[in-house]
Amino acid sequence: MTVIVLAKAPVPGRAKTRLCPPCDPEQAAGLARAALVDTLRAVTATRCERRVLVLDGAPGPWVPDGFEVLPQRGSGLDERLAHAFTDIGTGGVLIGMDTPQLTPAGLTAALHALDAPRVDAVFGPSVDGGWWALGLRAPDPTVFLGVPMSTPHTGEWQRARLHRLRLRTVALPTLRDVDDFDDALAVARTAPGSRFATTLRSMLPRLGTFDGALAAQ
């Protein structure tokens, strides 16, 4: 089984811009890097055949050993997702960099679900109406092409596409993506030992923000 991470290089002004304000571009990029590092660490600790980072931007020292790095291709997110699978040439579970609370156990469960008999796909919805994980037994661009992305209904439309293609799909647990600052605080509270939470905690005084639950962890 393959784990695919679709991510954007944590460059100020390009990564996690919806965290601004209260963050400035440098702080937002720092949180993006922390989230990406947590995600890649979880993948590293997960038993799988291949680990592939499909990256928008240049790789940095935050890429661990054992990852293949491929460039993202396509203009829209639907095309980039479709190309990610076809360029790798195999099925697998694809995740983003927005769920630093993801654990190796959770990722392993997703891989096992996809590997079960009579399962074609797995789908992990997110709180915001999108999705955090989608796994396919085999590459199929029609799963993604034309599905409206980055909307409150993307998850609903993506599930409908899987159903229309008659792919037998197993649901994964719902997770919360880090899109805005409220999401960042909520996710950090659920994973207080993560690099993401540590990075955010160190920023709170400079941001003039106090979070009692996070500060106590």
Protein backbone atom coordinates (compact mmCIF):
# COMPACT_ATOMS: atom_id res chain seq x y z
CA MET A 1 0.00 0.00 0.00
CA THR A 2 1.07 3.56 -0.75
CA VAL A 3 0.56 6.70 1.31
CA ILE A 4 0.40 9.92 -0.71
CA VAL A 5 0.77 13.34 0.90
CA LEU A 6 -0.44 16.24 -1.24
CA ALA A 7 1.15 19.40 0.15
CA LYS A 8 2.34 22.91 -0.50
CA ALA A 9 5.86 23.97 0.47
CA PRO A 10 5.66 26.13 3.63
CA VAL A 11 6.70 29.41 2.02
CA PRO A 12 5.61 32.75 3.57
CA GLY A 13 2.85 34.36 1.57
CA ARG A 14 1.84 31.07 -0.08
CA ALA A 15 1.16 28.66 2.76
CA LYS A 16 -1.77 28.85 5.18
CA THR A 17 -2.67 32.40 4.19
CA ARG A 18 -6.10 32.03 5.80
CA LEU A 19 -4.35 32.15 9.17
CA CYS A 20 -3.60 35.83 8.44
CA PRO A 21 -4.72 37.63 10.53
CA PRO A 22 -3.93 37.17 13.36
CA CYS A 23 -0.77 35.52 12.04
CA ASP A 24 1.62 37.30 9.74
CA PRO A 25 2.89 35.42 6.65
CA GLU A 26 6.02 34.18 8.43
CA GLN A 27 4.02 32.81 11.35
CA ALA A 28 1.48 31.19 9.02
CA ALA A 29 4.32 29.52 7.12
CA GLY A 30 5.81 28.33 10.42
CA LEU A 31 2.54 26.67 11.34
CA ALA A 32 2.28 25.18 7.85
CA ARG A 33 5.75 23.71 8.21
CA ALA A 34 4.90 22.28 11.63
CA ALA A 35 1.71 20.70 10.29
CA LEU A 36 3.61 19.22 7.35
CA VAL A 37 6.36 17.86 9.60
CA ASP A 38 3.79 16.23 11.90
CA THR A 39 2.04 14.70 8.89
CA LEU A 40 5.24 13.34 7.36
CA ARG A 41 6.32 11.92 10.72
CA ALA A 42 3.01 10.08 11.04
CA VAL A 43 3.50 8.62 7.56
CA THR A 44 7.09 7.63 8.38
CA ALA A 45 5.85 5.74 11.44
CA THR A 46 3.22 3.90 9.40
CA ARG A 47 4.01 0.57 7.75
CA CYS A 48 3.46 0.89 4.01
CA GLU A 49 5.16 -0.02 0.75
CA ARG A 50 5.68 3.51 -0.59
CA ARG A 51 5.63 7.03 0.81
CA VAL A 52 5.14 9.75 -1.77
CA LEU A 53 5.06 13.51 -1.27
CA VAL A 54 3.33 15.28 -4.16
CA LEU A 55 4.54 18.81 -3.67
CA ASP A 56 3.64 22.29 -4.88
CA GLY A 57 6.98 24.04 -4.53
CA ALA A 58 10.54 23.02 -3.76
CA PRO A 59 11.37 20.33 -1.19
CA GLY A 60 13.28 21.39 1.91
CA PRO A 61 15.11 19.77 4.81
CA TRP A 62 11.73 18.92 6.33
CA VAL A 63 11.32 15.99 3.89
CA PRO A 64 12.30 12.80 5.77
CA ASP A 65 14.31 9.98 4.27
CA GLY A 66 12.22 7.35 2.54
CA PHE A 67 9.91 9.69 0.64
CA GLU A 68 9.65 9.97 -3.09
CA VAL A 69 8.95 13.58 -4.08
CA LEU A 70 6.91 14.36 -7.18
CA PRO A 71 5.73 17.77 -8.43
CA GLN A 72 2.05 18.60 -8.46
CA ARG A 73 0.55 18.92 -11.94
CA GLY A 74 -2.66 20.57 -13.08
CA SER A 75 -4.37 23.91 -12.75
CA GLY A 76 -7.21 23.12 -10.35
CA LEU A 77 -7.16 20.94 -7.26
CA ASP A 78 -9.29 18.31 -8.99
CA GLU A 79 -6.62 17.95 -11.69
CA ARG A 80 -3.81 17.87 -9.14
CA LEU A 81 -5.50 15.07 -7.22
CA ALA A 82 -6.14 13.08 -10.39
CA HIS A 83 -2.54 13.51 -11.56
CA ALA A 84 -1.19 12.55 -8.14
CA PHE A 85 -2.61 9.05 -8.50
CA THR A 86 -1.84 8.62 -12.19
CA ASP A 87 1.74 9.89 -11.82
CA ILE A 88 2.38 7.44 -9.00
CA GLY A 89 0.74 4.70 -11.02
CA THR A 90 -0.89 2.83 -8.17
CA GLY A 91 -3.66 3.05 -5.65
CA GLY A 92 -3.20 4.23 -2.09
CA VAL A 93 -4.45 6.58 0.58
CA LEU A 94 -4.02 10.28 -0.13
CA ILE A 95 -3.96 12.84 2.66
CA GLY A 96 -3.12 16.53 2.89
CA MET A 97 -1.02 18.56 5.33
CA ASP A 98 -3.99 20.07 7.16
CA THR A 99 -4.52 17.37 9.80
CA PRO A 100 -1.39 17.35 12.00
CA GLN A 101 -3.39 15.47 14.64
CA LEU A 102 -3.42 12.38 12.40
CA THR A 103 -1.69 9.45 14.11
CA PRO A 104 0.08 6.42 12.64
CA ALA A 105 -2.71 4.29 14.12
CA GLY A 106 -5.36 6.31 12.28
CA LEU A 107 -3.45 6.12 9.03
CA THR A 108 -2.85 2.40 9.47
CA ALA A 109 -6.59 1.89 9.98
CA ALA A 110 -7.27 3.72 6.71
CA LEU A 111 -4.79 1.51 4.84
CA HIS A 112 -6.28 -1.65 6.33
CA ALA A 113 -9.78 -0.50 5.40
CA LEU A 114 -8.74 0.05 1.79
CA ASP A 115 -7.00 -3.33 1.67
CA ALA A 116 -10.09 -5.21 2.84
CA PRO A 117 -11.93 -7.47 0.40
CA ARG A 118 -14.63 -5.86 -1.77
CA VAL A 119 -13.48 -2.31 -0.97
CA ASP A 120 -12.64 0.10 -3.79
CA ALA A 121 -12.19 3.35 -1.87
CA VAL A 122 -12.02 4.94 1.56
CA PHE A 123 -13.24 8.43 2.37
CA GLY A 124 -12.45 10.59 5.39
CA PRO A 125 -14.76 13.59 5.79
CA SER A 126 -13.68 16.80 7.47
CA VAL A 127 -15.64 19.05 9.80
CA ASP A 128 -15.71 21.90 7.28
CA GLY A 129 -17.61 19.84 4.70
CA GLY A 130 -14.57 18.74 2.72
CA TRP A 131 -12.44 15.68 3.21
CA TRP A 132 -9.05 14.88 4.76
CA ALA A 133 -8.35 11.48 3.19
CA LEU A 134 -9.35 9.61 0.08
CA GLY A 135 -8.01 6.22 -0.82
CA LEU A 136 -8.40 4.33 -4.08
CA ARG A 137 -7.63 0.71 -4.85
CA ALA A 138 -6.51 1.83 -8.33
CA PRO A 139 -5.93 5.23 -9.99
CA ASP A 140 -9.03 6.70 -11.62
CA PRO A 141 -8.99 10.37 -12.73
CA THR A 142 -12.78 10.41 -13.06
CA VAL A 143 -13.02 10.24 -9.26
CA PHE A 144 -11.79 13.84 -9.07
CA LEU A 145 -12.11 15.65 -12.40
CA GLY A 146 -14.95 18.14 -12.36
CA VAL A 147 -15.71 17.84 -8.63
CA PRO A 148 -15.87 21.39 -7.17
CA MET A 149 -13.13 21.72 -4.58
CA SER A 150 -12.62 23.90 -1.50
CA THR A 151 -16.32 24.50 -0.83
CA PRO A 152 -18.55 23.57 2.15
CA HIS A 153 -20.13 20.89 -0.08
CA THR A 154 -16.99 19.32 -1.54
CA GLY A 155 -17.26 16.25 0.69
CA GLU A 156 -20.88 15.69 -0.28
CA TRP A 157 -20.09 16.04 -3.99
CA GLN A 158 -17.03 13.80 -3.69
CA ARG A 159 -19.05 11.07 -2.01
CA ALA A 160 -21.68 11.39 -4.73
CA ARG A 161 -19.00 10.93 -7.38
CA LEU A 162 -17.70 7.78 -5.69
CA HIS A 163 -21.26 6.46 -5.52
CA ARG A 164 -21.94 7.29 -9.17
CA LEU A 165 -18.81 5.42 -10.19
CA ARG A 166 -20.06 2.45 -8.12
CA LEU A 167 -16.94 2.34 -6.01
CA ARG A 168 -17.54 0.42 -2.82
CA THR A 169 -16.46 2.97 -0.23
CA VAL A 170 -15.66 2.70 3.49
CA ALA A 171 -16.06 5.81 5.63
CA LEU A 172 -13.18 6.91 7.86
CA PRO A 173 -13.53 9.00 11.04
CA THR A 174 -14.23 12.71 10.65
CA LEU A 175 -11.28 15.02 11.37
CA ARG A 176 -10.90 18.77 11.53
CA ASP A 177 -8.74 20.51 8.94
CA VAL A 178 -6.61 23.51 9.84
CA ASP A 179 -8.05 26.21 7.60
CA ASP A 180 -8.36 29.26 9.84
CA PHE A 181 -7.04 30.31 13.25
CA ASP A 182 -9.97 28.84 15.19
CA ASP A 183 -9.24 25.51 13.50
CA ALA A 184 -5.58 25.83 14.46
CA LEU A 185 -6.46 26.30 18.13
CA ALA A 186 -8.95 23.42 18.12
CA VAL A 187 -6.56 21.00 16.42
CA ALA A 188 -3.68 21.97 18.71
CA ARG A 189 -5.84 21.18 21.74
CA THR A 190 -6.49 17.66 20.43
CA ALA A 191 -2.79 16.98 19.80
CA PRO A 192 -0.92 18.96 22.49
CA GLY A 193 2.31 17.05 22.01
CA SER A 194 2.53 17.71 18.29
CA ARG A 195 5.04 20.04 16.70
CA PHE A 196 2.05 22.01 15.43
CA ALA A 197 0.70 22.59 18.94
CA THR A 198 4.15 23.48 20.29
CA THR A 199 4.69 25.97 17.48
CA LEU A 200 1.28 27.56 17.94
CA ARG A 201 1.68 27.72 21.73
CA SER A 202 4.94 29.64 21.35
CA MET A 203 3.21 32.19 19.08
CA LEU A 204 0.23 32.99 21.27
CA PRO A 205 1.90 35.72 23.40
CA ARG A 206 3.13 37.52 20.27
CA LEU A 207 -0.34 37.28 18.75
CA GLY A 208 -1.93 38.75 21.86
CA THR A 209 -4.00 35.59 22.23
CA PHE A 210 -4.51 33.47 25.31
CA ASP A 211 -5.97 29.98 25.18
CA GLY A 212 -6.31 28.51 28.65
CA ALA A 213 -6.72 24.91 27.51
CA LEU A 214 -3.72 25.07 25.21
CA ALA A 215 -1.54 26.96 27.67
CA ALA A 216 -2.21 24.36 30.35
CA GLN A 217 -0.98 21.51 28.18
